[in-house]
Amino acid sequence: MDILKLDRTAVLESVRILEQATPADWAAPTPCADWNLRELVAHMAGQHRGFAAAAAGGGTGLSSWQPADLGDDPVRTYRAAATEVLDAFARTGVLTSEFALPEISTKTTFPASVAIGFHFLDYVVHGWDVARTLGRAPDFDEDVAEAALVFALRVPDDDRRLGPEAAFVPALTPAKEAGTLDLALAALGRTPGWTAPATSATSPQH
């Protein structure tokens, strides 16, 4: 499994999808029920910058991981953050390094392959979040979906998913004929057929 290639594919797809957003879309509800599209993208850009800092040996403080100020051109800001993290991951020797991920633990660091796996899974899911917000579907090849499912099934489905800061909510039972990506989404508590509701769901999903 080439985690760098998989991650790059997921990130670039999230950029491609977001480039289809119109000014009217930024206040739209998303599958992350407590965030509209602008808030979700601010989170996504901030996480890119945090992972870029971690890849460079920083990122130990939570200040590196705050939502980004998207300014007047959210797509440009997001694209720049995506380029920053992809450049950071492309540096020679990055896969031999350890990443500080203070949102997960302040007591330990994580091997690069594990940390980049976290990032990859986040951007498959958040790419899907953005696509569904815009009434579209992400264009992920089966190898990306299969890798996402592998990582999704490694996420503990326990009481840690019940807190207000949980990255994912409890797993859902997938449809009988669910495809690979839908299986990964359901494992993380996403509803694969989600469409923008008249009123947002009550359970936040990040």
Protein backbone atom coordinates (compact mmCIF):
# COMPACT_ATOMS: atom_id res chain seq x y z
CA MET A 1 0.00 0.00 0.00
CA ASP A 2 1.56 3.29 -1.14
CA ILE A 3 0.11 5.59 1.51
CA LEU A 4 1.70 8.71 0.03
CA LYS A 5 0.14 8.06 -3.37
CA LEU A 6 -3.23 7.23 -1.82
CA ASP A 7 -3.17 10.35 0.32
CA ARG A 8 -2.23 12.56 -2.60
CA THR A 9 -5.10 11.14 -4.63
CA ALA A 10 -7.60 11.82 -1.83
CA VAL A 11 -6.38 15.36 -1.26
CA LEU A 12 -6.35 16.30 -4.93
CA GLU A 13 -9.85 14.91 -5.34
CA SER A 14 -11.03 17.08 -2.45
CA VAL A 15 -9.57 20.11 -4.25
CA ARG A 16 -11.23 19.14 -7.53
CA ILE A 17 -14.61 18.75 -5.86
CA LEU A 18 -14.35 22.00 -3.92
CA GLU A 19 -13.49 23.94 -7.07
CA GLN A 20 -17.08 23.28 -8.17
CA ALA A 21 -18.53 25.23 -5.23
CA THR A 22 -20.40 28.46 -5.93
CA PRO A 23 -20.73 31.46 -3.60
CA ALA A 24 -24.20 30.24 -2.62
CA ASP A 25 -22.81 26.91 -1.39
CA TRP A 26 -20.67 28.16 1.50
CA ALA A 27 -23.55 28.33 3.98
CA ALA A 28 -24.94 24.94 2.92
CA PRO A 29 -25.32 22.16 5.52
CA THR A 30 -22.90 19.24 5.31
CA PRO A 31 -22.86 15.64 6.54
CA CYS A 32 -20.89 17.08 9.51
CA ALA A 33 -24.09 18.27 11.13
CA ASP A 34 -22.62 21.10 13.19
CA TRP A 35 -20.67 22.63 10.26
CA ASN A 36 -21.74 24.37 7.10
CA LEU A 37 -19.49 24.08 4.05
CA ARG A 38 -17.33 27.08 4.93
CA GLU A 39 -16.77 25.77 8.47
CA LEU A 40 -15.95 22.29 7.19
CA VAL A 41 -13.43 23.62 4.68
CA ALA A 42 -11.85 25.84 7.35
CA HIS A 43 -11.35 22.69 9.42
CA MET A 44 -9.95 20.77 6.44
CA ALA A 45 -7.47 23.52 5.56
CA GLY A 46 -6.41 23.84 9.19
CA GLN A 47 -5.78 20.13 9.44
CA HIS A 48 -3.66 20.21 6.27
CA ARG A 49 -1.51 22.89 7.88
CA GLY A 50 -1.26 20.93 11.12
CA PHE A 51 -0.13 17.78 9.34
CA ALA A 52 2.35 19.81 7.28
CA ALA A 53 3.80 21.20 10.50
CA ALA A 54 3.96 17.71 12.01
CA ALA A 55 5.77 16.37 8.94
CA ALA A 56 8.39 19.07 9.44
CA GLY A 57 8.91 18.10 13.09
CA GLY A 58 6.49 20.65 14.58
CA GLY A 59 2.77 20.63 15.20
CA THR A 60 3.13 19.83 18.90
CA GLY A 61 0.82 22.64 19.99
CA LEU A 62 -2.87 22.82 19.21
CA SER A 63 -2.36 26.27 17.70
CA SER A 64 -0.98 24.55 14.58
CA TRP A 65 -4.25 22.71 14.11
CA GLN A 66 -6.83 25.49 14.31
CA PRO A 67 -9.40 26.04 11.54
CA ALA A 68 -8.01 28.24 8.79
CA ASP A 69 -9.16 31.75 8.02
CA LEU A 70 -10.50 31.20 4.52
CA GLY A 71 -10.65 34.90 3.67
CA ASP A 72 -12.37 36.15 0.54
CA ASP A 73 -11.36 33.19 -1.63
CA PRO A 74 -11.99 29.94 0.28
CA VAL A 75 -11.06 27.72 -2.66
CA ARG A 76 -7.70 29.42 -3.14
CA THR A 77 -6.97 29.18 0.60
CA TYR A 78 -7.90 25.52 0.66
CA ARG A 79 -5.85 24.76 -2.45
CA ALA A 80 -2.82 26.42 -0.89
CA ALA A 81 -3.20 24.39 2.31
CA ALA A 82 -3.54 21.18 0.28
CA THR A 83 -0.37 22.02 -1.67
CA GLU A 84 1.43 22.74 1.61
CA VAL A 85 0.66 19.34 3.11
CA LEU A 86 1.38 17.43 -0.09
CA ASP A 87 4.73 19.16 -0.42
CA ALA A 88 5.50 18.35 3.22
CA PHE A 89 4.66 14.68 2.74
CA ALA A 90 6.76 14.54 -0.44
CA ARG A 91 9.99 15.51 1.33
CA THR A 92 12.75 12.92 1.25
CA GLY A 93 12.75 10.71 4.33
CA VAL A 94 9.32 11.72 5.60
CA LEU A 95 8.24 8.10 6.04
CA THR A 96 11.02 7.52 8.57
CA SER A 97 9.87 10.37 10.81
CA GLU A 98 7.51 10.58 13.77
CA PHE A 99 4.51 12.92 13.78
CA ALA A 100 3.16 14.87 16.75
CA LEU A 101 -0.64 14.71 16.64
CA PRO A 102 -1.77 16.53 19.78
CA GLU A 103 -5.46 16.22 18.95
CA ILE A 104 -5.04 12.46 19.37
CA SER A 105 -2.34 12.28 22.05
CA THR A 106 0.04 14.72 23.72
CA LYS A 107 2.02 11.88 25.26
CA THR A 108 3.28 10.04 22.21
CA THR A 109 4.19 10.56 18.57
CA PHE A 110 3.08 8.45 15.62
CA PRO A 111 5.06 6.77 12.84
CA ALA A 112 4.67 8.73 9.63
CA SER A 113 2.89 5.89 7.83
CA VAL A 114 0.27 5.74 10.59
CA ALA A 115 -0.17 9.52 10.75
CA ILE A 116 -0.47 9.86 6.98
CA GLY A 117 -2.98 7.01 7.07
CA PHE A 118 -5.08 9.09 9.46
CA HIS A 119 -4.82 12.04 7.07
CA PHE A 120 -5.73 9.89 4.07
CA LEU A 121 -8.86 8.53 5.73
CA ASP A 122 -9.93 12.01 6.82
CA TYR A 123 -9.68 13.35 3.28
CA VAL A 124 -11.51 10.46 1.67
CA VAL A 125 -14.33 11.09 4.14
CA HIS A 126 -14.18 14.89 3.98
CA GLY A 127 -13.90 14.77 0.19
CA TRP A 128 -17.12 12.78 0.26
CA ASP A 129 -18.62 15.29 2.72
CA VAL A 130 -17.91 18.16 0.34
CA ALA A 131 -19.16 16.24 -2.67
CA ARG A 132 -22.45 15.34 -1.00
CA THR A 133 -22.90 18.94 0.16
CA LEU A 134 -22.66 19.98 -3.48
CA GLY A 135 -24.97 17.18 -4.59
CA ARG A 136 -22.16 15.27 -6.26
CA ALA A 137 -20.17 12.08 -5.78
CA PRO A 138 -16.40 11.83 -5.34
CA ASP A 139 -14.41 10.09 -8.07
CA PHE A 140 -12.33 7.59 -6.13
CA ASP A 141 -10.87 4.50 -7.77
CA GLU A 142 -11.48 1.16 -6.10
CA ASP A 143 -7.96 1.02 -4.67
CA VAL A 144 -8.64 4.24 -2.76
CA ALA A 145 -11.97 2.93 -1.49
CA GLU A 146 -10.41 -0.38 -0.45
CA ALA A 147 -7.64 1.37 1.46
CA ALA A 148 -10.16 3.67 3.12
CA LEU A 149 -12.15 0.65 4.26
CA VAL A 150 -9.03 -0.94 5.75
CA PHE A 151 -8.29 2.20 7.75
CA ALA A 152 -11.94 2.78 8.69
CA LEU A 153 -12.24 -0.69 10.19
CA ARG A 154 -9.23 0.05 12.40
CA VAL A 155 -10.99 3.00 14.08
CA PRO A 156 -12.32 1.78 17.45
CA ASP A 157 -16.12 1.77 17.53
CA ASP A 158 -16.57 2.40 21.24
CA ASP A 159 -17.60 5.07 23.74
CA ARG A 160 -14.95 7.43 22.39
CA ARG A 161 -17.24 8.04 19.43
CA LEU A 162 -19.95 9.42 21.70
CA GLY A 163 -18.21 12.57 22.93
CA PRO A 164 -18.74 16.04 21.44
CA GLU A 165 -15.17 16.13 20.10
CA ALA A 166 -15.27 12.64 18.55
CA ALA A 167 -13.91 12.47 15.02
CA PHE A 168 -16.56 9.91 14.04
CA VAL A 169 -19.89 8.73 15.43
CA PRO A 170 -20.90 5.08 15.98
CA ALA A 171 -20.88 2.82 12.96
CA LEU A 172 -24.03 2.25 10.95
CA THR A 173 -25.24 -1.01 9.43
CA PRO A 174 -24.46 -0.81 5.70
CA ALA A 175 -26.90 -1.71 2.97
CA LYS A 176 -26.65 -5.30 1.75
CA GLU A 177 -25.30 -4.31 -1.64
CA ALA A 178 -23.11 -1.46 -0.40
CA GLY A 179 -20.00 -0.69 -2.39
CA THR A 180 -16.56 -0.47 -0.85
CA LEU A 181 -16.61 3.28 -0.22
CA ASP A 182 -20.08 3.06 1.30
CA LEU A 183 -18.85 0.32 3.64
CA ALA A 184 -16.04 2.61 4.80
CA LEU A 185 -18.44 5.51 5.30
CA ALA A 186 -20.91 3.41 7.27
CA ALA A 187 -18.09 2.08 9.45
CA LEU A 188 -17.40 5.69 10.45
CA GLY A 189 -21.02 6.61 11.07
CA ARG A 190 -21.68 8.40 7.79
CA THR A 191 -24.93 7.79 5.92
CA PRO A 192 -23.79 6.92 2.38
CA GLY A 193 -26.95 8.25 0.72
CA TRP A 194 -26.88 11.55 2.63
CA THR A 195 -28.52 14.57 1.04
CA ALA A 196 -28.94 18.02 2.53
CA PRO A 197 -31.88 17.83 4.99
CA ALA A 198 -34.48 20.45 5.62
CA THR A 199 -33.21 20.47 9.21
CA SER A 200 -29.79 19.20 10.20
CA ALA A 201 -29.34 15.89 11.98
CA THR A 202 -28.77 16.08 15.72
CA SER A 203 -25.58 14.02 15.95
CA PRO A 204 -22.42 15.87 14.92
CA GLN A 205 -20.09 13.97 12.63
CA HIS A 206 -16.60 15.31 12.04
